[in-house]
Amino acid sequence: MTQDDFDRLQALMASRAGFRLARDRIHLAEHRLAPVARREGFESVEALLATLWAKPVASLGWAVIEALLNPETWFRRDRAIFDTFTNELLPAIGRARPDGQVKVWSAGCSHGQEAYSLAMGALDSGAHVEIVATDLSQRAVERGRSGVFSAFEIQRGLSAQTMLRWFDRADEAWVVKPALRDAVRFARHNLMDAPTDTARFDVIFCRNVLSDMEPRMRGQVVDGLERRLVDDGVLVLGADERIEGDTIAFRPVNGRRGLFVKAPSALSRAA
């Protein structure tokens, strides 16, 4: 891959997805694009990119973008936030809703481990939840919707007891049980795009997404998340992520890294 090709990839990732492709990732980018080139019938990554630059095709462009996204995730990643969600947020918000239902959005869900982790906690506690999981990558969404995970993936973050409670063994894979699968609805969504519906949520998980984005794009995404939250809704970012710049839309919850409330609320005062 030439430096010019990599520069164009950086511009493509930033403009279409808002993501930053660091300059030291040129070899990783070539490694990740090699399977895409083979799948699309090209002899090399260079041939793939030459075709993309000469005649941009949306499907090929998105295939390239998806291959370069960071899919890293695991079940109950940063376990403390899942305990907070199950033991504190769900009961508090459920009591405040006339029908007791808590609407949750897992934004940037990758292969679904986060969304299924949230569903496990909700189902175990008997809470009434609606969970929507979205990702920029259609392939990731399809993986999540399938509910099929490898032995390595299933053991990463889950105890043996939890594995057996919520998953069935199928040859070398593990498949989510129907009750867990039915608790999560998957869809593709680009956080850079305007919403296609009017749905609003009580809790939005958007963890370890902003840190991979171009700094100038983060404010746009945060504004979009704010519009999708109900008043006093809760935004959950990664433990080391923060909302940059001055904003009155979100207030950090004292002592809870990555947890923000939309405007002052009883939740923030109690924490």
Foldseek 3Di string as FASTA:
>chain_A
DDPVLVVVVQVLCCVPFQFGDDPVCPVVLLVLCQVVCVVVPHPGSVRLSVVCVVDPDPVSSLVSNLSPDDLDDAACDVVVVLCCCLVPVLVVVLVVDPNSEFEEEEEQCFQPRDVLNNLVSCVVNVGHYAYEYEHQDPVSLVNNLQQKAFPVRLPGHDDPVVQVVAWDDDPRIIGGDPVSSVRYHYDYDRLLDADPDQAAGQEYEDEPPLVRGDPVCSVVSVVRNLSRYDAFGKYAYHQPDDDDDDDQQWDAQPPRRRIITGHDDPSSVVD
